[in-house]
Each structure stands twice: as C-alpha cells, then as structure tokens.
Amino acid sequence: MISEGRNYLFAAAAYVELQMGYRYSYYCFVEADTVHENWHVGWQKFESFLKEWEPAVGLPVLDGYSSTIDGYRKEDGAMVRSVMNFDHTIEAVHSDAAPWLLPYVLDGDTKCQWVSQWRFASLANALFPGHVLLTHSVEIENTAHGSYSKDYCMEGMLGATLDLREKMPEAASCFVEPRHEALAINGTLRLSAYLPWSRALRRRDADPTRQNYSSPEIAKVRTCEDEPTLHAMNQKSSYSWCRGCPDSLAYGMLQSIVAHRPFEFVGWLRLADFLALAVVSRDDLLIPQMCLSVAVRMLRCLSNIDGSHISWQELKNFRAAHLEWGLQIQPTEETVQEIERLALAPDKRDIIIKAVRLALMPQGDQIEPVSFMNHEKAESFVDWLLQCPAAGGVH
C-alpha cells in the first residue's frame, strides 16, 4: 500500500529524531517515479517556499494538472495558493502539524489506496485552512503509474468524509464529499482537482492562536460555510458533474469525462439519458441506446462494480424519448439488459464503434467536429466490450 509505506517512513524518521536528539522541520514524501527537469534547483526552490511560508502541508505543481493550476495563476498572479483535493505525489508535512495528520489511516485502503490520502487532505484543509499551500515555482512529473487497488474509490472516500463529520460535527461543513465533476465558480468553469480553499497565509500572518500548529487551539475548527468553493459545490444543479453549468457546457463536460474515463459505467448511464433530450427522429434513439448498453455491459463485465444501488427509474429522458416514438420502455434491469443484448451484438462491431464515437462528438459550430474518442481507442474499447466473458463474449 502507498500510504502504508509512508507510515513506515514516518516511523523511521521519528526513530532517527529520537536517536539524534533533534526534530525535522518537515517530513517530505516523494514517489519514486517523480521527475524534475533540474531536480537540484527544483528542490532548492521547494525548500525556500517551505521556509518562507511554513505551510502545514506544502505541494508543488504536478504536470498532469499544470494547465488547471496555471489558469488560476493567470487570473490573480499569485505564486502560492491554498488548495484542496490535491495529488499526493510529493507533499511536505510540517513536523508540528504531523501529529494531527499522520500516520495515514489505512482502514479504507484495501479496495482503494486513495482513501487514506483523501482523509489526510480533508483533515488538513479543515484543521489548517489557508496553510495547505501549493507553490507555482516548482513543477514535477509523475512518469509512471503503478498497479494498485483503485476499486470503489468514491464509496471509500465518502465513507472517510462521513466518519470525519461524525467525529468533528462542529466542522462538518469543512469535510466535502468526493466527486468527479466540474464547478462553475463566479461564472468560470473549474475542475474538481486543486480547487481554491481559504486564503493562502504565511504561518507568521495567521491568527496568533493558530500559528503554533501543535497547539490544542488547532482542534477548535471553525465552520467552512463561508467558503466560496463550498457554495459552488452546494448550488442546485440539474447536472451533478457540472454544477452551475448551462446545458451545452454540461453536455461537453460529460462527453469529456466519459472519453477520459470510459470504464466508469455511470458516465455512460448519464450520457444515455442526456442524449435522449436531443432525439428528433426514431433513428436518433440508437445513440442513447448504445450508451445505456455500454453502461449495462460494464456492470456485467467488471466484477468490482456494484450496480445494486442503481435505479433504472432515473432514466426519465430516455424513457420519454422512446414513448414519443411509440416505444414502451419500462426501465427495469431486465429491460435494459435486453437492450444491451441487441445493441452490443458482435456482428454489429462497426456500428457500435461509430455510435460510441458519435456519442462523444462535441456539438456546436465546428465545421468538422472531432470525437473526443479517436477511432483506434474506440476500436479497442468496443473489442473489450464484445469479448467480455461475463457477457457471453469470446475472450
């Protein structure tokens, strides 16, 4: 386990401190496959940032999120910002803050090794608002991604959130629910990673009662009801994956999410219902039917997916579109599996590939719109669907 290894390192550091008679200022965790173009210079910059700002948790920019994070910098010019929902490739934990945050709690990591990291980040943002800081002066690259358990991540993270809310009810609003979505904050679309949280503060500029990260005052957590990001998360929206977004933007965001994470069935389920809104002829029903079929095939083929909580009754647009063309569709598990059986027949491979790409074709004024999923990726994805043994395919 990732976090279990970090717990061993944390324990080893504590042992060295005991033997040597001093304390480290920071415990810096670095994944082995992390790369910086000029590591020596980059690490000096990161160390300077830690000395200047003294964050409870300090972070560099991760290359995979650089465009998202740079968007904030271009708007406000700030080189240091307070963030939530961050990547843990490299993180520096202040030794005074460590007793509140470490060791990682591993209870939920059996099925998803990100749960302990989510819990760590949630607790850090609640206990040290304005002191979980990212510096733009250092950007690192995570060159490889190991194979480890990432099943039921959303469920596990939500469980950690609910546990923290129960243990710290006065700060319940500070522990946000995990989500894969975009938010419209002050009219600007934001992805869920590295969202702004509180105002970046140097340690010396904090309230005097909170400058000592090891003080019992840290446990007296304030409410987070005034956080703009929290307001954006809680705003009413027809689309949970893009809160505050108009229909066109929500549609494009959903297509992008599905194209980047095609093996998550809920995206295809949402896409099936969303596309049903645009049906203008009976032939148009093929695309939402195909998306629904893909979602059902996922449930049958990926043993780590639990579909027992899915209510097919939620497919209101899908059902209404069929009724408009004289087709009675009762959204039950048996009905949708029959649709899947007919739509994903092996002899329809080329049609399925075309339908999948069309479902992910952006709408708008483009003269020649290009699907979010290229032909090669669509072929590979469809072949996987057709060859799944659990659905009667030939593996």
Protein backbone atom coordinates (compact mmCIF):
# COMPACT_ATOMS: atom_id res chain seq x y z
CA MET A 1 0.00 0.00 0.00
CA ILE A 2 1.20 3.52 -0.83
CA SER A 3 0.22 5.11 2.46
CA GLU A 4 1.40 2.12 4.47
CA GLY A 5 4.88 2.64 3.03
CA ARG A 6 4.75 6.29 4.02
CA ASN A 7 3.74 5.29 7.54
CA TYR A 8 6.89 3.15 7.76
CA LEU A 9 8.98 6.11 6.59
CA PHE A 10 7.29 8.38 9.12
CA ALA A 11 8.06 5.89 11.89
CA ALA A 12 11.67 5.61 10.71
CA ALA A 13 12.04 9.39 10.75
CA ALA A 14 10.68 9.51 14.30
CA TYR A 15 13.23 6.88 15.33
CA VAL A 16 16.08 8.91 13.82
CA GLU A 17 14.83 12.01 15.63
CA LEU A 18 14.85 10.11 18.91
CA GLN A 19 18.36 8.78 18.33
CA MET A 20 19.83 12.08 17.16
CA GLY A 21 18.05 14.31 19.65
CA TYR A 22 16.50 16.74 17.17
CA ARG A 23 13.33 17.13 15.11
CA TYR A 24 12.96 17.57 11.40
CA SER A 25 11.15 20.69 10.21
CA TYR A 26 9.27 18.75 7.52
CA TYR A 27 8.55 15.18 6.56
CA CYS A 28 8.74 15.12 2.76
CA PHE A 29 7.11 12.21 0.96
CA VAL A 30 8.19 11.68 -2.66
CA GLU A 31 7.03 8.94 -5.01
CA ALA A 32 9.94 7.04 -6.54
CA ASP A 33 8.98 7.77 -10.15
CA THR A 34 8.84 11.54 -9.67
CA VAL A 35 10.97 13.61 -12.05
CA HIS A 36 12.02 17.25 -12.13
CA GLU A 37 13.91 18.62 -15.12
CA ASN A 38 16.53 20.11 -12.80
CA TRP A 39 15.97 18.27 -9.54
CA HIS A 40 18.67 20.06 -7.50
CA VAL A 41 17.43 23.54 -8.42
CA GLY A 42 13.80 22.49 -8.12
CA TRP A 43 14.29 21.09 -4.65
CA GLN A 44 16.06 24.29 -3.53
CA LYS A 45 13.07 26.31 -4.73
CA PHE A 46 10.68 23.98 -2.90
CA GLU A 47 12.75 24.25 0.28
CA SER A 48 12.77 28.06 0.00
CA PHE A 49 8.99 28.01 -0.33
CA LEU A 50 8.69 25.88 2.82
CA LYS A 51 10.97 28.22 4.78
CA GLU A 52 9.19 31.37 3.61
CA TRP A 53 5.57 30.27 4.01
CA GLU A 54 5.88 27.45 6.58
CA PRO A 55 2.73 25.66 5.36
CA ALA A 56 1.18 22.84 7.35
CA VAL A 57 1.26 20.90 4.07
CA GLY A 58 3.35 22.06 1.11
CA LEU A 59 2.88 20.98 -2.51
CA PRO A 60 4.49 21.54 -5.94
CA VAL A 61 2.61 21.64 -9.24
CA LEU A 62 2.07 18.20 -10.81
CA ASP A 63 2.45 18.26 -14.60
CA GLY A 64 -0.85 16.49 -15.23
CA TYR A 65 -2.71 19.36 -13.59
CA SER A 66 -0.47 22.23 -14.67
CA SER A 67 -2.96 23.71 -17.15
CA THR A 68 -5.70 23.69 -14.50
CA ILE A 69 -3.48 25.27 -11.85
CA ASP A 70 -1.90 27.79 -14.26
CA GLY A 71 -5.40 29.01 -15.04
CA TYR A 72 -5.68 30.34 -11.51
CA ARG A 73 -2.23 31.96 -11.66
CA LYS A 74 -3.05 33.78 -14.89
CA GLU A 75 -6.14 35.24 -13.23
CA ASP A 76 -4.65 36.50 -9.97
CA GLY A 77 -0.87 36.40 -10.48
CA ALA A 78 -0.33 34.59 -7.17
CA MET A 79 2.63 32.20 -6.99
CA VAL A 80 1.35 30.46 -3.86
CA ARG A 81 -2.24 29.38 -3.26
CA SER A 82 -4.32 27.40 -0.81
CA VAL A 83 -5.86 24.30 -2.40
CA MET A 84 -8.00 21.25 -1.71
CA ASN A 85 -8.38 17.85 -3.43
CA PHE A 86 -4.72 17.68 -4.40
CA ASP A 87 -2.42 14.95 -5.69
CA HIS A 88 -0.02 13.36 -3.18
CA THR A 89 2.93 12.59 -5.48
CA ILE A 90 5.07 14.98 -3.42
CA GLU A 91 3.93 16.51 -0.16
CA ALA A 92 5.79 18.09 2.73
CA VAL A 93 4.15 17.85 6.16
CA HIS A 94 5.26 20.28 8.86
CA SER A 95 6.51 18.40 11.91
CA ASP A 96 4.23 20.44 14.21
CA ALA A 97 1.21 19.56 12.06
CA ALA A 98 2.17 15.91 11.64
CA PRO A 99 0.62 14.64 14.91
CA TRP A 100 -2.78 15.80 13.64
CA LEU A 101 -2.40 14.23 10.19
CA LEU A 102 -0.04 11.25 10.44
CA PRO A 103 0.17 8.31 10.34
CA TYR A 104 -2.22 7.72 7.46
CA VAL A 105 -5.41 5.87 8.42
CA LEU A 106 -5.40 2.71 6.28
CA ASP A 107 -8.86 1.33 7.10
CA GLY A 108 -10.32 2.06 3.66
CA ASP A 109 -7.26 1.33 1.51
CA THR A 110 -7.94 -2.35 0.82
CA LYS A 111 -10.21 -1.56 -2.12
CA CYS A 112 -8.87 1.90 -2.96
CA GLN A 113 -5.49 3.18 -1.87
CA TRP A 114 -6.56 6.78 -2.38
CA VAL A 115 -8.94 6.72 0.59
CA SER A 116 -6.25 7.39 3.20
CA GLN A 117 -4.90 10.24 1.08
CA TRP A 118 -8.37 11.75 0.73
CA ARG A 119 -8.83 11.54 4.51
CA PHE A 120 -5.42 13.17 5.06
CA ALA A 121 -6.24 16.04 2.68
CA SER A 122 -9.73 16.55 4.12
CA LEU A 123 -8.38 16.75 7.65
CA ALA A 124 -5.54 19.07 6.61
CA ASN A 125 -7.93 21.53 4.95
CA ALA A 126 -10.24 21.52 7.97
CA LEU A 127 -7.54 21.91 10.63
CA PHE A 128 -5.19 24.22 8.74
CA PRO A 129 -7.28 26.45 6.42
CA GLY A 130 -5.01 28.73 4.44
CA HIS A 131 -1.95 26.63 5.26
CA VAL A 132 -2.30 23.77 2.77
CA LEU A 133 -0.29 25.53 0.11
CA LEU A 134 0.88 24.94 -3.44
CA THR A 135 3.81 26.79 -5.00
CA HIS A 136 3.88 27.54 -8.73
CA SER A 137 7.67 27.84 -8.69
CA VAL A 138 8.21 24.06 -8.78
CA GLU A 139 6.63 21.64 -11.27
CA ILE A 140 7.24 17.90 -11.15
CA GLU A 141 6.34 14.98 -13.39
CA ASN A 142 4.94 11.63 -12.32
CA THR A 143 6.44 9.41 -15.04
CA ALA A 144 4.76 6.09 -14.19
CA HIS A 145 1.63 4.83 -12.52
CA GLY A 146 1.87 1.61 -10.58
CA SER A 147 -0.76 -1.09 -10.39
CA TYR A 148 -2.65 -0.86 -7.12
CA SER A 149 -6.22 -1.12 -5.91
CA LYS A 150 -8.48 1.71 -7.09
CA ASP A 151 -11.86 0.00 -6.77
CA TYR A 152 -14.81 1.67 -5.04
CA CYS A 153 -12.81 4.87 -4.56
CA MET A 154 -15.77 7.23 -4.41
CA GLU A 155 -17.56 5.00 -1.91
CA GLY A 156 -14.45 4.70 0.25
CA MET A 157 -13.72 8.41 0.16
CA LEU A 158 -17.32 9.23 1.04
CA GLY A 159 -17.08 6.83 3.98
CA ALA A 160 -13.98 8.69 5.21
CA THR A 161 -15.79 12.02 4.85
CA LEU A 162 -18.81 10.82 6.82
CA ASP A 163 -16.54 9.42 9.53
CA LEU A 164 -14.77 12.77 9.90
CA ARG A 165 -18.10 14.60 10.04
CA GLU A 166 -19.28 12.29 12.80
CA LYS A 167 -16.09 12.77 14.82
CA MET A 168 -15.98 16.55 14.30
CA PRO A 169 -19.65 17.63 13.95
CA GLU A 170 -18.90 21.31 14.56
CA ALA A 171 -16.73 21.27 11.42
CA ALA A 172 -18.95 19.02 9.30
CA SER A 173 -19.19 21.61 6.51
CA CYS A 174 -15.39 21.51 6.10
CA PHE A 175 -15.44 17.86 5.02
CA VAL A 176 -16.74 17.94 1.46
CA GLU A 177 -17.99 14.91 -0.41
CA PRO A 178 -15.70 13.47 -3.09
CA ARG A 179 -16.83 13.98 -6.66
CA HIS A 180 -15.70 13.77 -10.26
CA GLU A 181 -17.23 16.90 -11.68
CA ALA A 182 -16.72 20.47 -12.72
CA LEU A 183 -17.98 23.54 -10.91
CA ALA A 184 -18.95 26.98 -12.10
CA ILE A 185 -17.34 29.35 -9.58
CA ASN A 186 -18.09 33.04 -10.17
CA GLY A 187 -19.05 32.17 -13.74
CA THR A 188 -15.82 30.29 -14.51
CA LEU A 189 -15.67 26.53 -15.05
CA ARG A 190 -13.35 24.72 -12.65
CA LEU A 191 -12.32 21.08 -12.46
CA SER A 192 -12.67 19.34 -9.09
CA ALA A 193 -8.90 18.96 -8.53
CA TYR A 194 -6.89 21.71 -6.82
CA LEU A 195 -9.92 23.85 -6.09
CA PRO A 196 -9.26 27.04 -4.10
CA TRP A 197 -9.87 26.67 -0.37
CA SER A 198 -9.45 29.61 2.00
CA ARG A 199 -6.79 32.33 1.52
CA ALA A 200 -3.10 31.47 1.40
CA LEU A 201 -1.35 32.61 4.58
CA ARG A 202 2.22 32.59 5.76
CA ARG A 203 2.41 30.95 9.15
CA ARG A 204 3.54 34.20 10.78
CA ASP A 205 0.49 36.00 9.36
CA ALA A 206 -2.04 33.59 10.86
CA ASP A 207 -4.13 34.35 13.91
CA PRO A 208 -1.74 34.20 16.90
CA THR A 209 -3.75 31.36 18.44
CA ARG A 210 -3.18 29.24 15.31
CA GLN A 211 0.45 30.00 14.50
CA ASN A 212 1.52 27.03 16.60
CA TYR A 213 0.42 24.03 14.53
CA SER A 214 0.76 21.74 17.55
CA SER A 215 -1.44 23.89 19.79
CA PRO A 216 -4.74 22.46 21.14
CA GLU A 217 -6.37 25.50 19.51
CA ILE A 218 -5.95 23.77 16.16
CA ALA A 219 -8.68 21.29 17.16
CA LYS A 220 -11.15 24.17 17.55
CA VAL A 221 -12.12 24.06 13.90
CA ARG A 222 -14.20 26.90 12.51
CA THR A 223 -17.13 26.29 10.20
CA CYS A 224 -16.44 26.44 6.47
CA GLU A 225 -19.86 27.77 5.46
CA ASP A 226 -18.29 30.95 4.10
CA GLU A 227 -16.03 29.16 1.62
CA PRO A 228 -16.92 30.18 -1.99
CA THR A 229 -15.93 26.73 -3.26
CA LEU A 230 -18.32 25.11 -0.79
CA HIS A 231 -21.13 27.38 -2.04
CA ALA A 232 -20.37 26.31 -5.61
CA MET A 233 -20.46 22.65 -4.60
CA ASN A 234 -23.80 23.07 -2.86
CA GLN A 235 -25.56 25.09 -5.54
CA LYS A 236 -28.58 23.48 -7.10
CA SER A 237 -27.95 22.00 -10.50
CA SER A 238 -29.57 19.66 -12.95
CA TYR A 239 -26.17 18.10 -13.56
CA SER A 240 -24.15 16.82 -10.62
CA TRP A 241 -20.97 16.58 -12.73
CA CYS A 242 -21.07 20.27 -13.69
CA ARG A 243 -22.76 22.36 -11.02
CA GLY A 244 -23.96 25.75 -12.16
CA CYS A 245 -23.30 24.94 -15.83
CA PRO A 246 -25.68 25.60 -18.74
CA ASP A 247 -26.87 22.60 -20.76
CA SER A 248 -24.31 22.95 -23.55
CA LEU A 249 -21.37 23.17 -21.16
CA ALA A 250 -22.67 20.30 -19.02
CA TYR A 251 -23.01 18.14 -22.14
CA GLY A 252 -19.48 18.87 -23.34
CA MET A 253 -18.05 18.25 -19.88
CA LEU A 254 -19.87 14.92 -19.62
CA GLN A 255 -18.53 13.83 -23.02
CA SER A 256 -15.00 14.73 -21.97
CA ILE A 257 -15.33 12.83 -18.68
CA VAL A 258 -16.63 9.71 -20.44
CA ALA A 259 -13.89 9.85 -23.10
CA HIS A 260 -11.16 10.10 -20.48
CA ARG A 261 -12.70 7.50 -18.15
CA PRO A 262 -14.58 5.13 -20.48
CA PHE A 263 -14.58 2.24 -18.00
CA GLU A 264 -16.74 4.10 -15.46
CA PHE A 265 -20.28 2.96 -16.14
CA VAL A 266 -22.04 5.91 -14.51
CA GLY A 267 -20.75 8.28 -17.20
CA TRP A 268 -22.31 6.20 -19.98
CA LEU A 269 -25.54 5.99 -17.98
CA ARG A 270 -25.70 9.77 -17.65
CA LEU A 271 -24.80 10.19 -21.32
CA ALA A 272 -27.64 7.85 -22.36
CA ASP A 273 -30.18 9.96 -20.50
CA PHE A 274 -28.68 13.28 -21.63
CA LEU A 275 -28.56 12.31 -25.31
CA ALA A 276 -32.22 11.31 -25.17
CA LEU A 277 -33.05 15.01 -24.81
CA ALA A 278 -31.71 15.64 -28.34
CA VAL A 279 -33.69 12.89 -30.11
CA VAL A 280 -35.57 14.31 -33.11
CA SER A 281 -36.19 11.09 -35.04
CA ARG A 282 -36.63 7.42 -34.25
CA ASP A 283 -33.19 6.67 -35.69
CA ASP A 284 -31.67 9.03 -33.12
CA LEU A 285 -32.62 6.56 -30.38
CA LEU A 286 -29.70 4.35 -31.44
CA ILE A 287 -27.06 6.53 -29.76
CA PRO A 288 -28.64 6.74 -26.28
CA GLN A 289 -29.49 3.03 -26.52
CA MET A 290 -25.85 2.29 -27.27
CA CYS A 291 -24.67 4.38 -24.30
CA LEU A 292 -27.09 2.59 -21.99
CA SER A 293 -25.92 -0.75 -23.35
CA VAL A 294 -22.30 0.15 -22.65
CA ALA A 295 -23.19 1.06 -19.06
CA VAL A 296 -25.00 -2.24 -18.54
CA ARG A 297 -22.13 -4.20 -20.10
CA MET A 298 -19.76 -2.51 -17.65
CA LEU A 299 -21.88 -3.68 -14.74
CA ARG A 300 -21.77 -7.23 -16.02
CA CYS A 301 -18.11 -7.38 -17.00
CA LEU A 302 -16.29 -5.53 -14.24
CA SER A 303 -16.64 -7.61 -11.11
CA ASN A 304 -15.50 -4.74 -8.90
CA ILE A 305 -18.54 -2.60 -9.78
CA ASP A 306 -21.58 -2.75 -7.55
CA GLY A 307 -24.68 -1.78 -9.50
CA SER A 308 -27.19 -2.76 -6.84
CA HIS A 309 -27.81 0.87 -5.91
CA ILE A 310 -28.68 1.92 -9.47
CA SER A 311 -32.29 2.91 -10.04
CA TRP A 312 -33.20 2.48 -13.68
CA GLN A 313 -36.28 4.60 -12.94
CA GLU A 314 -33.98 7.63 -13.08
CA LEU A 315 -33.73 7.27 -16.87
CA LYS A 316 -36.65 9.66 -17.33
CA ASN A 317 -35.43 11.36 -20.51
CA PHE A 318 -34.51 8.02 -22.04
CA ARG A 319 -37.99 6.63 -21.38
CA ALA A 320 -39.75 9.80 -22.55
CA ALA A 321 -37.83 9.84 -25.85
CA HIS A 322 -38.92 6.26 -26.59
CA LEU A 323 -42.54 6.97 -25.67
CA GLU A 324 -42.55 9.88 -28.10
CA TRP A 325 -41.89 7.39 -30.91
CA GLY A 326 -44.39 4.83 -29.70
CA LEU A 327 -41.93 2.59 -27.87
CA GLN A 328 -42.95 1.49 -24.38
CA ILE A 329 -39.78 1.16 -22.32
CA GLN A 330 -40.09 0.15 -18.70
CA PRO A 331 -36.70 1.00 -17.17
CA THR A 332 -36.02 -2.20 -15.27
CA GLU A 333 -32.88 -4.31 -15.04
CA GLU A 334 -34.39 -6.94 -17.34
CA THR A 335 -35.38 -4.35 -19.96
CA VAL A 336 -32.02 -2.64 -20.12
CA GLN A 337 -30.21 -5.97 -20.35
CA GLU A 338 -32.38 -6.85 -23.36
CA ILE A 339 -31.43 -3.53 -24.97
CA GLU A 340 -27.79 -4.33 -24.25
CA ARG A 341 -28.05 -7.80 -25.79
CA LEU A 342 -29.49 -6.42 -29.03
CA ALA A 343 -27.26 -3.35 -29.27
CA LEU A 344 -23.92 -4.97 -28.48
CA ALA A 345 -24.15 -7.96 -30.78
CA PRO A 346 -20.72 -9.00 -32.12
CA ASP A 347 -21.84 -8.71 -35.75
CA LYS A 348 -22.55 -5.00 -35.17
CA ARG A 349 -18.97 -4.11 -34.26
CA ASP A 350 -18.52 -1.35 -36.84
CA ILE A 351 -21.89 0.20 -35.98
CA ILE A 352 -21.04 0.14 -32.27
CA ILE A 353 -17.70 1.86 -32.87
CA LYS A 354 -19.39 4.56 -34.92
CA ALA A 355 -22.14 5.04 -32.32
CA VAL A 356 -19.65 5.32 -29.45
CA ARG A 357 -17.67 7.98 -31.31
CA LEU A 358 -20.83 9.86 -32.27
CA ALA A 359 -21.95 9.88 -28.63
CA LEU A 360 -18.69 11.64 -27.82
CA MET A 361 -18.86 14.10 -30.72
CA PRO A 362 -18.95 17.73 -29.47
CA GLN A 363 -21.90 19.81 -30.56
CA GLY A 364 -21.65 23.39 -31.75
CA ASP A 365 -20.50 25.39 -34.72
CA GLN A 366 -17.48 23.31 -35.69
CA ILE A 367 -17.29 22.72 -39.44
CA GLU A 368 -15.79 19.27 -38.91
CA PRO A 369 -16.25 18.30 -35.26
CA VAL A 370 -13.88 15.63 -33.99
CA SER A 371 -14.96 12.98 -31.49
CA PHE A 372 -13.42 13.07 -28.02
CA MET A 373 -12.51 9.41 -28.62
CA ASN A 374 -10.34 8.62 -31.64
CA HIS A 375 -11.06 5.62 -33.86
CA GLU A 376 -8.23 3.46 -32.53
CA LYS A 377 -9.26 3.95 -28.91
CA ALA A 378 -12.90 3.32 -29.80
CA GLU A 379 -11.97 0.07 -31.57
CA SER A 380 -10.01 -1.16 -28.57
CA PHE A 381 -12.81 -0.20 -26.18
CA VAL A 382 -15.55 -1.85 -28.24
CA ASP A 383 -13.50 -5.02 -28.70
CA TRP A 384 -13.18 -5.23 -24.93
CA LEU A 385 -16.95 -4.88 -24.58
CA LEU A 386 -17.62 -7.60 -27.14
CA GLN A 387 -15.05 -10.05 -25.78
CA CYS A 388 -16.09 -9.84 -22.15
CA PRO A 389 -16.73 -13.46 -20.98
CA ALA A 390 -19.28 -12.39 -18.35
CA ALA A 391 -21.50 -11.03 -21.11
CA GLY A 392 -21.10 -14.05 -23.37
CA GLY A 393 -18.21 -12.74 -25.44
CA VAL A 394 -15.19 -14.67 -26.67
CA HIS A 395 -12.13 -13.77 -24.62
